[in-house]
């Protein structure tokens, strides 16, 4: 399973690196907050899904992060199409940051509720 995930992520990154339609945007802005919040919510939702499936904690964490970051990468890939706004590494950085925050917040609150 880990090998399959590693292969999928590697393939996606190689595909993304080949994107030629990039955007030159700022690090701050309204859309960056939207990327952060949406990614945080998706990471928490993915982790909650794993919890409800009775997966172990490590698998829940992995799924939540992979789900959120995967959706963020798919959105940037969609933006990089010919008619789109262009791939933004800054948006993707906000996606990853939001995923990490949502992941951490979900598991911190879950631990405090269990204890």
PDB file of N, CA and C in Angstrom:
ATOM      1  N   UNK A   1       0.822  -1.191   0.000  1.00  0.00           N
ATOM      2  CA  UNK A   1       0.000   0.000   0.000  1.00  0.00           C
ATOM      3  C   UNK A   1       0.869   1.260   0.000  1.00  0.00           C
ATOM      4  N   UNK A   2       1.916   1.240   0.837  1.00  0.00           N
ATOM      5  CA  UNK A   2       2.796   2.411   0.887  1.00  0.00           C
ATOM      6  C   UNK A   2       3.512   2.615  -0.439  1.00  0.00           C
ATOM      7  N   UNK A   3       3.906   1.514  -1.064  1.00  0.00           N
ATOM      8  CA  UNK A   3       4.587   1.611  -2.352  1.00  0.00           C
ATOM      9  C   UNK A   3       3.663   2.212  -3.397  1.00  0.00           C
ATOM     10  N   UNK A   4       2.400   1.805  -3.370  1.00  0.00           N
ATOM     11  CA  UNK A   4       1.422   2.346  -4.313  1.00  0.00           C
ATOM     12  C   UNK A   4       1.225   3.844  -4.085  1.00  0.00           C
ATOM     13  N   UNK A   5       1.124   4.260  -2.836  1.00  0.00           N
ATOM     14  CA  UNK A   5       0.973   5.686  -2.514  1.00  0.00           C
ATOM     15  C   UNK A   5       2.203   6.470  -2.947  1.00  0.00           C
ATOM     16  N   UNK A   6       3.379   5.931  -2.680  1.00  0.00           N
ATOM     17  CA  UNK A   6       4.614   6.600  -3.075  1.00  0.00           C
ATOM     18  C   UNK A   6       4.702   6.731  -4.584  1.00  0.00           C
ATOM     19  N   UNK A   7       4.313   5.692  -5.292  1.00  0.00           N
ATOM     20  CA  UNK A   7       4.321   5.718  -6.751  1.00  0.00           C
ATOM     21  C   UNK A   7       3.333   6.755  -7.284  1.00  0.00           C
ATOM     22  N   UNK A   8       2.147   6.809  -6.693  1.00  0.00           N
ATOM     23  CA  UNK A   8       1.133   7.775  -7.126  1.00  0.00           C
ATOM     24  C   UNK A   8       1.599   9.208  -6.882  1.00  0.00           C
ATOM     25  N   UNK A   9       2.163   9.459  -5.721  1.00  0.00           N
ATOM     26  CA  UNK A   9       2.636  10.805  -5.400  1.00  0.00           C
ATOM     27  C   UNK A   9       3.802  11.194  -6.303  1.00  0.00           C
ATOM     28  N   UNK A  10       4.717  10.273  -6.524  1.00  0.00           N
ATOM     29  CA  UNK A  10       5.857  10.553  -7.404  1.00  0.00           C
ATOM     30  C   UNK A  10       5.398  10.854  -8.821  1.00  0.00           C
ATOM     31  N   UNK A  11       4.444  10.081  -9.307  1.00  0.00           N
ATOM     32  CA  UNK A  11       3.920  10.310 -10.656  1.00  0.00           C
ATOM     33  C   UNK A  11       3.247  11.667 -10.756  1.00  0.00           C
ATOM     34  N   UNK A  12       2.469  12.012  -9.745  1.00  0.00           N
ATOM     35  CA  UNK A  12       1.799  13.307  -9.733  1.00  0.00           C
ATOM     36  C   UNK A  12       2.810  14.450  -9.725  1.00  0.00           C
ATOM     37  N   UNK A  13       3.835  14.332  -8.895  1.00  0.00           N
ATOM     38  CA  UNK A  13       4.843  15.388  -8.836  1.00  0.00           C
ATOM     39  C   UNK A  13       5.591  15.533 -10.157  1.00  0.00           C
ATOM     40  N   UNK A  14       5.927  14.417 -10.787  1.00  0.00           N
ATOM     41  CA  UNK A  14       6.595  14.494 -12.088  1.00  0.00           C
ATOM     42  C   UNK A  14       5.693  15.145 -13.125  1.00  0.00           C
ATOM     43  N   UNK A  15       4.407  14.844 -13.070  1.00  0.00           N
ATOM     44  CA  UNK A  15       3.456  15.446 -13.997  1.00  0.00           C
ATOM     45  C   UNK A  15       3.327  16.943 -13.735  1.00  0.00           C
ATOM     46  N   UNK A  16       3.272  17.302 -12.465  1.00  0.00           N
ATOM     47  CA  UNK A  16       3.103  18.702 -12.083  1.00  0.00           C
ATOM     48  C   UNK A  16       4.325  19.532 -12.482  1.00  0.00           C
ATOM     49  N   UNK A  17       5.503  18.967 -12.318  1.00  0.00           N
ATOM     50  CA  UNK A  17       6.717  19.693 -12.660  1.00  0.00           C
ATOM     51  C   UNK A  17       6.714  20.071 -14.136  1.00  0.00           C
ATOM     52  N   UNK A  18       6.055  19.263 -14.947  1.00  0.00           N
ATOM     53  CA  UNK A  18       5.978  19.543 -16.369  1.00  0.00           C
ATOM     54  C   UNK A  18       4.970  20.612 -16.741  1.00  0.00           C
ATOM     55  N   UNK A  19       4.212  21.120 -15.789  1.00  0.00           N
ATOM     56  CA  UNK A  19       3.225  22.162 -16.079  1.00  0.00           C
ATOM     57  C   UNK A  19       3.943  23.432 -16.518  1.00  0.00           C
ATOM     58  N   UNK A  20       3.535  23.964 -17.640  1.00  0.00           N
ATOM     59  CA  UNK A  20       4.194  25.159 -18.151  1.00  0.00           C
ATOM     60  C   UNK A  20       3.370  26.414 -17.916  1.00  0.00           C
ATOM     61  N   UNK A  21       2.123  26.268 -17.568  1.00  0.00           N
ATOM     62  CA  UNK A  21       1.261  27.424 -17.351  1.00  0.00           C
ATOM     63  C   UNK A  21       1.277  27.768 -15.861  1.00  0.00           C
ATOM     64  N   UNK A  22       2.245  28.584 -15.477  1.00  0.00           N
ATOM     65  CA  UNK A  22       2.396  28.981 -14.081  1.00  0.00           C
ATOM     66  C   UNK A  22       1.871  30.395 -13.894  1.00  0.00           C
ATOM     67  N   UNK A  23       1.508  30.712 -12.675  1.00  0.00           N
ATOM     68  CA  UNK A  23       1.013  32.048 -12.363  1.00  0.00           C
ATOM     69  C   UNK A  23       2.005  32.728 -11.417  1.00  0.00           C
ATOM     70  N   UNK A  24       2.166  34.013 -11.567  1.00  0.00           N
ATOM     71  CA  UNK A  24       3.034  34.792 -10.694  1.00  0.00           C
ATOM     72  C   UNK A  24       2.139  35.595  -9.753  1.00  0.00           C
ATOM     73  N   UNK A  25       1.824  35.012  -8.607  1.00  0.00           N
ATOM     74  CA  UNK A  25       0.907  35.655  -7.663  1.00  0.00           C
ATOM     75  C   UNK A  25       1.618  35.988  -6.359  1.00  0.00           C
ATOM     76  N   UNK A  26       0.903  36.666  -5.471  1.00  0.00           N
ATOM     77  CA  UNK A  26       1.443  37.067  -4.173  1.00  0.00           C
ATOM     78  C   UNK A  26       1.241  35.959  -3.147  1.00  0.00           C
ATOM     79  N   UNK A  27       1.991  36.057  -2.039  1.00  0.00           N
ATOM     80  CA  UNK A  27       1.855  35.085  -0.959  1.00  0.00           C
ATOM     81  C   UNK A  27       0.613  35.342  -0.101  1.00  0.00           C
ATOM     82  N   UNK A  28       0.087  36.556  -0.141  1.00  0.00           N
ATOM     83  CA  UNK A  28      -1.088  36.877   0.669  1.00  0.00           C
ATOM     84  C   UNK A  28      -2.250  37.211  -0.253  1.00  0.00           C
ATOM     85  N   UNK A  29      -3.417  37.115   0.288  1.00  0.00           N
ATOM     86  CA  UNK A  29      -4.603  37.430  -0.493  1.00  0.00           C
ATOM     87  C   UNK A  29      -5.780  36.595  -0.038  1.00  0.00           C
ATOM     88  N   UNK A  30      -6.945  36.987  -0.483  1.00  0.00           N
ATOM     89  CA  UNK A  30      -8.179  36.317  -0.085  1.00  0.00           C
ATOM     90  C   UNK A  30      -8.177  34.846  -0.485  1.00  0.00           C
ATOM     91  N   UNK A  31      -7.666  34.540  -1.672  1.00  0.00           N
ATOM     92  CA  UNK A  31      -7.694  33.154  -2.122  1.00  0.00           C
ATOM     93  C   UNK A  31      -6.764  32.266  -1.301  1.00  0.00           C
ATOM     94  N   UNK A  32      -5.715  32.832  -0.709  1.00  0.00           N
ATOM     95  CA  UNK A  32      -4.793  32.034   0.109  1.00  0.00           C
ATOM     96  C   UNK A  32      -5.487  31.560   1.386  1.00  0.00           C
ATOM     97  N   UNK A  33      -6.290  32.432   1.973  1.00  0.00           N
ATOM     98  CA  UNK A  33      -7.056  32.054   3.167  1.00  0.00           C
ATOM     99  C   UNK A  33      -8.049  30.951   2.811  1.00  0.00           C
ATOM    100  N   UNK A  34      -8.665  31.060   1.651  1.00  0.00           N
ATOM    101  CA  UNK A  34      -9.607  30.033   1.206  1.00  0.00           C
ATOM    102  C   UNK A  34      -8.902  28.694   1.001  1.00  0.00           C
ATOM    103  N   UNK A  35      -7.707  28.717   0.426  1.00  0.00           N
ATOM    104  CA  UNK A  35      -6.933  27.485   0.256  1.00  0.00           C
ATOM    105  C   UNK A  35      -6.622  26.863   1.617  1.00  0.00           C
ATOM    106  N   UNK A  36      -6.179  27.687   2.563  1.00  0.00           N
ATOM    107  CA  UNK A  36      -5.809  27.203   3.890  1.00  0.00           C
ATOM    108  C   UNK A  36      -7.000  26.578   4.604  1.00  0.00           C
ATOM    109  N   UNK A  37      -8.112  27.293   4.649  1.00  0.00           N
ATOM    110  CA  UNK A  37      -9.291  26.817   5.381  1.00  0.00           C
ATOM    111  C   UNK A  37      -9.889  25.570   4.728  1.00  0.00           C
ATOM    112  N   UNK A  38      -9.989  25.575   3.410  1.00  0.00           N
ATOM    113  CA  UNK A  38     -10.548  24.408   2.720  1.00  0.00           C
ATOM    114  C   UNK A  38      -9.671  23.178   2.937  1.00  0.00           C
ATOM    115  N   UNK A  39      -8.367  23.343   2.878  1.00  0.00           N
ATOM    116  CA  UNK A  39      -7.459  22.213   3.082  1.00  0.00           C
ATOM    117  C   UNK A  39      -7.507  21.714   4.521  1.00  0.00           C
ATOM    118  N   UNK A  40      -7.612  22.634   5.470  1.00  0.00           N
ATOM    119  CA  UNK A  40      -7.724  22.233   6.875  1.00  0.00           C
ATOM    120  C   UNK A  40      -9.000  21.427   7.099  1.00  0.00           C
ATOM    121  N   UNK A  41     -10.098  21.894   6.526  1.00  0.00           N
ATOM    122  CA  UNK A  41     -11.374  21.183   6.677  1.00  0.00           C
ATOM    123  C   UNK A  41     -11.316  19.804   6.028  1.00  0.00           C
ATOM    124  N   UNK A  42     -10.698  19.711   4.848  1.00  0.00           N
ATOM    125  CA  UNK A  42     -10.620  18.413   4.166  1.00  0.00           C
ATOM    126  C   UNK A  42      -9.719  17.436   4.909  1.00  0.00           C
ATOM    127  N   UNK A  43      -8.623  17.923   5.493  1.00  0.00           N
ATOM    128  CA  UNK A  43      -7.741  17.043   6.265  1.00  0.00           C
ATOM    129  C   UNK A  43      -8.466  16.512   7.497  1.00  0.00           C
ATOM    130  N   UNK A  44      -9.196  17.387   8.178  1.00  0.00           N
ATOM    131  CA  UNK A  44      -9.959  16.954   9.350  1.00  0.00           C
ATOM    132  C   UNK A  44     -11.064  15.985   8.948  1.00  0.00           C
ATOM    133  N   UNK A  45     -11.742  16.267   7.840  1.00  0.00           N
ATOM    134  CA  UNK A  45     -12.810  15.378   7.372  1.00  0.00           C
ATOM    135  C   UNK A  45     -12.255  14.020   6.966  1.00  0.00           C
ATOM    136  N   UNK A  46     -11.113  14.014   6.298  1.00  0.00           N
ATOM    137  CA  UNK A  46     -10.489  12.748   5.908  1.00  0.00           C
ATOM    138  C   UNK A  46     -10.070  11.935   7.113  1.00  0.00           C
ATOM    139  N   UNK A  47      -9.527  12.598   8.123  1.00  0.00           N
ATOM    140  CA  UNK A  47      -9.146  11.907   9.354  1.00  0.00           C
ATOM    141  C   UNK A  47     -10.375  11.385  10.090  1.00  0.00           C
ATOM    142  N   UNK A  48     -11.445  12.178  10.110  1.00  0.00           N
ATOM    143  CA  UNK A  48     -12.689  11.743  10.758  1.00  0.00           C
ATOM    144  C   UNK A  48     -13.278  10.532  10.040  1.00  0.00           C
ATOM    145  N   UNK A  49     -13.195  10.528   8.721  1.00  0.00           N
ATOM    146  CA  UNK A  49     -13.669   9.371   7.952  1.00  0.00           C
ATOM    147  C   UNK A  49     -12.903   8.118   8.371  1.00  0.00           C
ATOM    148  N   UNK A  50     -11.587   8.246   8.470  1.00  0.00           N
ATOM    149  CA  UNK A  50     -10.777   7.105   8.888  1.00  0.00           C
ATOM    150  C   UNK A  50     -11.129   6.635  10.285  1.00  0.00           C
ATOM    151  N   UNK A  51     -11.397   7.573  11.182  1.00  0.00           N
ATOM    152  CA  UNK A  51     -11.790   7.224  12.545  1.00  0.00           C
ATOM    153  C   UNK A  51     -13.098   6.442  12.542  1.00  0.00           C
ATOM    154  N   UNK A  52     -14.061   6.885  11.737  1.00  0.00           N
ATOM    155  CA  UNK A  52     -15.354   6.198  11.665  1.00  0.00           C
ATOM    156  C   UNK A  52     -15.257   4.847  10.966  1.00  0.00           C
ATOM    157  N   UNK A  53     -14.191   4.637  10.213  1.00  0.00           N
ATOM    158  CA  UNK A  53     -13.959   3.336   9.582  1.00  0.00           C
ATOM    159  C   UNK A  53     -13.178   2.405  10.511  1.00  0.00           C
ATOM    160  N   UNK A  54     -12.896   2.880  11.727  1.00  0.00           N
ATOM    161  CA  UNK A  54     -12.141   2.131  12.738  1.00  0.00           C
ATOM    162  C   UNK A  54     -10.723   1.801  12.288  1.00  0.00           C
ATOM    163  N   UNK A  55     -10.115   2.718  11.535  1.00  0.00           N
ATOM    164  CA  UNK A  55      -8.719   2.551  11.146  1.00  0.00           C
ATOM    165  C   UNK A  55      -7.844   2.946  12.328  1.00  0.00           C
ATOM    166  N   UNK A  56      -6.601   2.455  12.341  1.00  0.00           N
ATOM    167  CA  UNK A  56      -5.693   2.881  13.407  1.00  0.00           C
ATOM    168  C   UNK A  56      -5.314   4.346  13.190  1.00  0.00           C
ATOM    169  N   UNK A  57      -4.750   4.948  14.223  1.00  0.00           N
ATOM    170  CA  UNK A  57      -4.497   6.393  14.183  1.00  0.00           C
ATOM    171  C   UNK A  57      -3.540   6.789  13.060  1.00  0.00           C
ATOM    172  N   UNK A  58      -2.516   5.985  12.830  1.00  0.00           N
ATOM    173  CA  UNK A  58      -1.548   6.317  11.774  1.00  0.00           C
ATOM    174  C   UNK A  58      -2.214   6.323  10.399  1.00  0.00           C
ATOM    175  N   UNK A  59      -3.092   5.371  10.163  1.00  0.00           N
ATOM    176  CA  UNK A  59      -3.777   5.310   8.867  1.00  0.00           C
ATOM    177  C   UNK A  59      -4.751   6.482   8.718  1.00  0.00           C
ATOM    178  N   UNK A  60      -5.432   6.846   9.791  1.00  0.00           N
ATOM    179  CA  UNK A  60      -6.336   8.004   9.759  1.00  0.00           C
ATOM    180  C   UNK A  60      -5.568   9.271   9.416  1.00  0.00           C
ATOM    181  N   UNK A  61      -4.426   9.450  10.062  1.00  0.00           N
ATOM    182  CA  UNK A  61      -3.610  10.638   9.805  1.00  0.00           C
ATOM    183  C   UNK A  61      -3.144  10.674   8.357  1.00  0.00           C
ATOM    184  N   UNK A  62      -2.638   9.545   7.888  1.00  0.00           N
ATOM    185  CA  UNK A  62      -2.139   9.476   6.507  1.00  0.00           C
ATOM    186  C   UNK A  62      -3.246   9.768   5.508  1.00  0.00           C
ATOM    187  N   UNK A  63      -4.414   9.190   5.744  1.00  0.00           N
ATOM    188  CA  UNK A  63      -5.516   9.384   4.813  1.00  0.00           C
ATOM    189  C   UNK A  63      -5.966  10.840   4.799  1.00  0.00           C
ATOM    190  N   UNK A  64      -6.101  11.447   5.975  1.00  0.00           N
ATOM    191  CA  UNK A  64      -6.535  12.841   6.048  1.00  0.00           C
ATOM    192  C   UNK A  64      -5.597  13.778   5.308  1.00  0.00           C
ATOM    193  N   UNK A  65      -4.299  13.599   5.526  1.00  0.00           N
ATOM    194  CA  UNK A  65      -3.317  14.444   4.841  1.00  0.00           C
ATOM    195  C   UNK A  65      -3.305  14.185   3.340  1.00  0.00           C
ATOM    196  N   UNK A  66      -3.281  12.911   2.952  1.00  0.00           N
ATOM    197  CA  UNK A  66      -3.235  12.573   1.526  1.00  0.00           C
ATOM    198  C   UNK A  66      -4.486  13.062   0.801  1.00  0.00           C
ATOM    199  N   UNK A  67      -5.635  12.931   1.436  1.00  0.00           N
ATOM    200  CA  UNK A  67      -6.891  13.380   0.839  1.00  0.00           C
ATOM    201  C   UNK A  67      -6.852  14.884   0.582  1.00  0.00           C
ATOM    202  N   UNK A  68      -6.475  15.642   1.595  1.00  0.00           N
ATOM    203  CA  UNK A  68      -6.465  17.095   1.475  1.00  0.00           C
ATOM    204  C   UNK A  68      -5.423  17.586   0.474  1.00  0.00           C
ATOM    205  N   UNK A  69      -4.215  17.076   0.570  1.00  0.00           N
ATOM    206  CA  UNK A  69      -3.155  17.509  -0.340  1.00  0.00           C
ATOM    207  C   UNK A  69      -3.452  17.059  -1.764  1.00  0.00           C
ATOM    208  N   UNK A  70      -4.044  15.882  -1.909  1.00  0.00           N
ATOM    209  CA  UNK A  70      -4.420  15.403  -3.239  1.00  0.00           C
ATOM    210  C   UNK A  70      -5.458  16.291  -3.901  1.00  0.00           C
ATOM    211  N   UNK A  71      -6.446  16.725  -3.130  1.00  0.00           N
ATOM    212  CA  UNK A  71      -7.462  17.632  -3.674  1.00  0.00           C
ATOM    213  C   UNK A  71      -6.826  18.972  -4.043  1.00  0.00           C
ATOM    214  N   UNK A  72      -5.921  19.465  -3.202  1.00  0.00           N
ATOM    215  CA  UNK A  72      -5.231  20.720  -3.502  1.00  0.00           C
ATOM    216  C   UNK A  72      -4.400  20.619  -4.776  1.00  0.00           C
ATOM    217  N   UNK A  73      -3.705  19.500  -4.947  1.00  0.00           N
ATOM    218  CA  UNK A  73      -2.903  19.297  -6.159  1.00  0.00           C
ATOM    219  C   UNK A  73      -3.800  19.190  -7.385  1.00  0.00           C
ATOM    220  N   UNK A  74      -4.930  18.509  -7.237  1.00  0.00           N
ATOM    221  CA  UNK A  74      -5.869  18.384  -8.361  1.00  0.00           C
ATOM    222  C   UNK A  74      -6.416  19.751  -8.762  1.00  0.00           C
ATOM    223  N   UNK A  75      -6.699  20.598  -7.780  1.00  0.00           N
ATOM    224  CA  UNK A  75      -7.193  21.950  -8.076  1.00  0.00           C
ATOM    225  C   UNK A  75      -6.145  22.759  -8.827  1.00  0.00           C
ATOM    226  N   UNK A  76      -4.900  22.671  -8.392  1.00  0.00           N
ATOM    227  CA  UNK A  76      -3.838  23.399  -9.087  1.00  0.00           C
ATOM    228  C   UNK A  76      -3.607  22.833 -10.485  1.00  0.00           C
ATOM    229  N   UNK A  77      -3.728  21.545 -10.626  1.00  0.00           N
ATOM    230  CA  UNK A  77      -3.603  20.929 -11.947  1.00  0.00           C
ATOM    231  C   UNK A  77      -4.718  21.420 -12.864  1.00  0.00           C
ATOM    232  N   UNK A  78      -5.923  21.531 -12.324  1.00  0.00           N
ATOM    233  CA  UNK A  78      -7.051  22.071 -13.083  1.00  0.00           C
ATOM    234  C   UNK A  78      -6.773  23.522 -13.487  1.00  0.00           C
ATOM    235  N   UNK A  79      -6.213  24.298 -12.575  1.00  0.00           N
ATOM    236  CA  UNK A  79      -5.890  25.698 -12.879  1.00  0.00           C
ATOM    237  C   UNK A  79      -4.802  25.830 -13.944  1.00  0.00           C
ATOM    238  N   UNK A  80      -3.954  24.808 -14.086  1.00  0.00           N
ATOM    239  CA  UNK A  80      -2.838  24.903 -15.027  1.00  0.00           C
ATOM    240  C   UNK A  80      -3.232  24.570 -16.463  1.00  0.00           C
ATOM    241  N   UNK A  81      -4.492  24.233 -16.687  1.00  0.00           N
ATOM    242  CA  UNK A  81      -4.934  23.938 -18.054  1.00  0.00           C
ATOM    243  C   UNK A  81      -4.859  25.209 -18.895  1.00  0.00           C
ATOM    244  N   UNK A  82      -5.025  25.057 -20.190  1.00  0.00           N
ATOM    245  CA  UNK A  82      -4.858  26.184 -21.115  1.00  0.00           C
ATOM    246  C   UNK A  82      -5.765  27.371 -20.772  1.00  0.00           C
ATOM    247  N   UNK A  83      -7.006  27.150 -20.392  1.00  0.00           N
ATOM    248  CA  UNK A  83      -7.924  28.247 -20.093  1.00  0.00           C
ATOM    249  C   UNK A  83      -7.956  28.650 -18.637  1.00  0.00           C
ATOM    250  N   UNK A  84      -7.090  28.053 -17.814  1.00  0.00           N
ATOM    251  CA  UNK A  84      -7.123  28.313 -16.377  1.00  0.00           C
ATOM    252  C   UNK A  84      -6.248  29.482 -15.962  1.00  0.00           C
ATOM    253  N   UNK A  85      -6.193  29.692 -14.664  1.00  0.00           N
ATOM    254  CA  UNK A  85      -5.420  30.809 -14.120  1.00  0.00           C
ATOM    255  C   UNK A  85      -3.944  30.485 -13.990  1.00  0.00           C
ATOM    256  N   UNK A  86      -3.572  29.228 -14.067  1.00  0.00           N
ATOM    257  CA  UNK A  86      -2.177  28.814 -13.969  1.00  0.00           C
ATOM    258  C   UNK A  86      -1.873  28.140 -12.644  1.00  0.00           C
ATOM    259  N   UNK A  87      -0.881  27.255 -12.680  1.00  0.00           N
ATOM    260  CA  UNK A  87      -0.432  26.548 -11.479  1.00  0.00           C
ATOM    261  C   UNK A  87       0.211  27.551 -10.535  1.00  0.00           C
ATOM    262  N   UNK A  88      -0.144  27.510  -9.269  1.00  0.00           N
ATOM    263  CA  UNK A  88       0.440  28.404  -8.277  1.00  0.00           C
ATOM    264  C   UNK A  88       1.070  27.579  -7.159  1.00  0.00           C
ATOM    265  N   UNK A  89       2.399  27.629  -7.082  1.00  0.00           N
ATOM    266  CA  UNK A  89       3.084  26.940  -5.992  1.00  0.00           C
ATOM    267  C   UNK A  89       2.744  27.599  -4.662  1.00  0.00           C
ATOM    268  N   UNK A  90       2.412  28.872  -4.696  1.00  0.00           N
ATOM    269  CA  UNK A  90       2.053  29.572  -3.459  1.00  0.00           C
ATOM    270  C   UNK A  90       0.698  29.083  -2.952  1.00  0.00           C
ATOM    271  N   UNK A  91      -0.261  28.894  -3.857  1.00  0.00           N
ATOM    272  CA  UNK A  91      -1.546  28.313  -3.461  1.00  0.00           C
ATOM    273  C   UNK A  91      -1.339  26.916  -2.893  1.00  0.00           C
ATOM    274  N   UNK A  92      -0.486  26.145  -3.552  1.00  0.00           N
ATOM    275  CA  UNK A  92      -0.241  24.773  -3.105  1.00  0.00           C
ATOM    276  C   UNK A  92       0.435  24.758  -1.732  1.00  0.00           C
ATOM    277  N   UNK A  93       1.333  25.717  -1.485  1.00  0.00           N
ATOM    278  CA  UNK A  93       1.966  25.817  -0.164  1.00  0.00           C
ATOM    279  C   UNK A  93       0.920  26.107   0.910  1.00  0.00           C
ATOM    280  N   UNK A  94      -0.054  26.969   0.597  1.00  0.00           N
ATOM    281  CA  UNK A  94      -1.141  27.248   1.537  1.00  0.00           C
ATOM    282  C   UNK A  94      -2.020  26.014   1.719  1.00  0.00           C
ATOM    283  N   UNK A  95      -2.204  25.232   0.658  1.00  0.00           N
ATOM    284  CA  UNK A  95      -2.959  23.977   0.770  1.00  0.00           C
ATOM    285  C   UNK A  95      -2.270  23.016   1.736  1.00  0.00           C
ATOM    286  N   UNK A  96      -0.967  22.848   1.578  1.00  0.00           N
ATOM    287  CA  UNK A  96      -0.214  21.935   2.446  1.00  0.00           C
ATOM    288  C   UNK A  96      -0.223  22.439   3.887  1.00  0.00           C
ATOM    289  N   UNK A  97      -0.065  23.746   4.075  1.00  0.00           N
ATOM    290  CA  UNK A  97      -0.103  24.322   5.426  1.00  0.00           C
ATOM    291  C   UNK A  97      -1.465  24.111   6.079  1.00  0.00           C
ATOM    292  N   UNK A  98      -2.520  24.324   5.321  1.00  0.00           N
ATOM    293  CA  UNK A  98      -3.866  24.105   5.845  1.00  0.00           C
ATOM    294  C   UNK A  98      -4.111  22.650   6.183  1.00  0.00           C
ATOM    295  N   UNK A  99      -3.625  21.753   5.337  1.00  0.00           N
ATOM    296  CA  UNK A  99      -3.783  20.321   5.603  1.00  0.00           C
ATOM    297  C   UNK A  99      -3.079  19.941   6.900  1.00  0.00           C
ATOM    298  N   UNK A 100      -1.878  20.456   7.106  1.00  0.00           N
ATOM    299  CA  UNK A 100      -1.142  20.165   8.339  1.00  0.00           C
ATOM    300  C   UNK A 100      -1.865  20.730   9.559  1.00  0.00           C
ATOM    301  N   UNK A 101      -2.401  21.932   9.431  1.00  0.00           N
ATOM    302  CA  UNK A 101      -3.121  22.548  10.551  1.00  0.00           C
ATOM    303  C   UNK A 101      -4.406  21.787  10.871  1.00  0.00           C
ATOM    304  N   UNK A 102      -5.178  21.438   9.848  1.00  0.00           N
ATOM    305  CA  UNK A 102      -6.411  20.692  10.069  1.00  0.00           C
ATOM    306  C   UNK A 102      -6.156  19.322  10.660  1.00  0.00           C
ATOM    307  N   UNK A 103      -5.124  18.676  10.168  1.00  0.00           N
ATOM    308  CA  UNK A 103      -4.708  17.366  10.667  1.00  0.00           C
ATOM    309  C   UNK A 103      -4.334  17.461  12.145  1.00  0.00           C
ATOM    310  N   UNK A 104      -3.518  18.443  12.486  1.00  0.00           N
ATOM    311  CA  UNK A 104      -3.073  18.614  13.870  1.00  0.00           C
ATOM    312  C   UNK A 104      -4.224  18.980  14.795  1.00  0.00           C
ATOM    313  N   UNK A 105      -5.073  19.887  14.351  1.00  0.00           N
ATOM    314  CA  UNK A 105      -6.205  20.316  15.170  1.00  0.00           C
ATOM    315  C   UNK A 105      -7.179  19.165  15.420  1.00  0.00           C
ATOM    316  N   UNK A 106      -7.472  18.387  14.389  1.00  0.00           N
ATOM    317  CA  UNK A 106      -8.390  17.260  14.552  1.00  0.00           C
ATOM    318  C   UNK A 106      -7.851  16.271  15.574  1.00  0.00           C
ATOM    319  N   UNK A 107      -6.594  15.898  15.434  1.00  0.00           N
ATOM    320  CA  UNK A 107      -6.044  14.884  16.332  1.00  0.00           C
ATOM    321  C   UNK A 107      -5.798  15.424  17.737  1.00  0.00           C
ATOM    322  N   UNK A 108      -5.510  16.711  17.873  1.00  0.00           N
ATOM    323  CA  UNK A 108      -5.352  17.300  19.204  1.00  0.00           C
ATOM    324  C   UNK A 108      -6.691  17.339  19.935  1.00  0.00           C
ATOM    325  N   UNK A 109      -7.750  17.737  19.243  1.00  0.00           N
ATOM    326  CA  UNK A 109      -9.068  17.781  19.894  1.00  0.00           C
ATOM    327  C   UNK A 109      -9.590  16.380  20.158  1.00  0.00           C
ATOM    328  N   UNK A 110      -9.302  15.462  19.275  1.00  0.00           N
ATOM    329  CA  UNK A 110      -9.751  14.079  19.474  1.00  0.00           C
ATOM    330  C   UNK A 110      -9.075  13.475  20.700  1.00  0.00           C
ATOM    331  N   UNK A 111      -7.773  13.731  20.856  1.00  0.00           N
ATOM    332  CA  UNK A 111      -7.043  13.212  22.008  1.00  0.00           C
ATOM    333  C   UNK A 111      -7.570  13.813  23.305  1.00  0.00           C
ATOM    334  N   UNK A 112      -7.889  15.111  23.286  1.00  0.00           N
ATOM    335  CA  UNK A 112      -8.373  15.749  24.511  1.00  0.00           C
ATOM    336  C   UNK A 112      -9.778  15.259  24.870  1.00  0.00           C
ATOM    337  N   UNK A 113     -10.576  14.885  23.871  1.00  0.00           N
ATOM    338  CA  UNK A 113     -11.912  14.358  24.152  1.00  0.00           C
ATOM    339  C   UNK A 113     -11.851  12.941  24.704  1.00  0.00           C
ATOM    340  N   UNK A 114     -10.861  12.166  24.247  1.00  0.00           N
ATOM    341  CA  UNK A 114     -10.718  10.783  24.715  1.00  0.00           C
ATOM    342  C   UNK A 114     -10.165  10.758  26.131  1.00  0.00           C
ATOM    343  N   UNK A 115      -9.224  11.661  26.433  1.00  0.00           N
ATOM    344  CA  UNK A 115      -8.550  11.659  27.738  1.00  0.00           C
ATOM    345  C   UNK A 115      -9.430  12.129  28.849  1.00  0.00           C
TER     346      UNK A 115
END
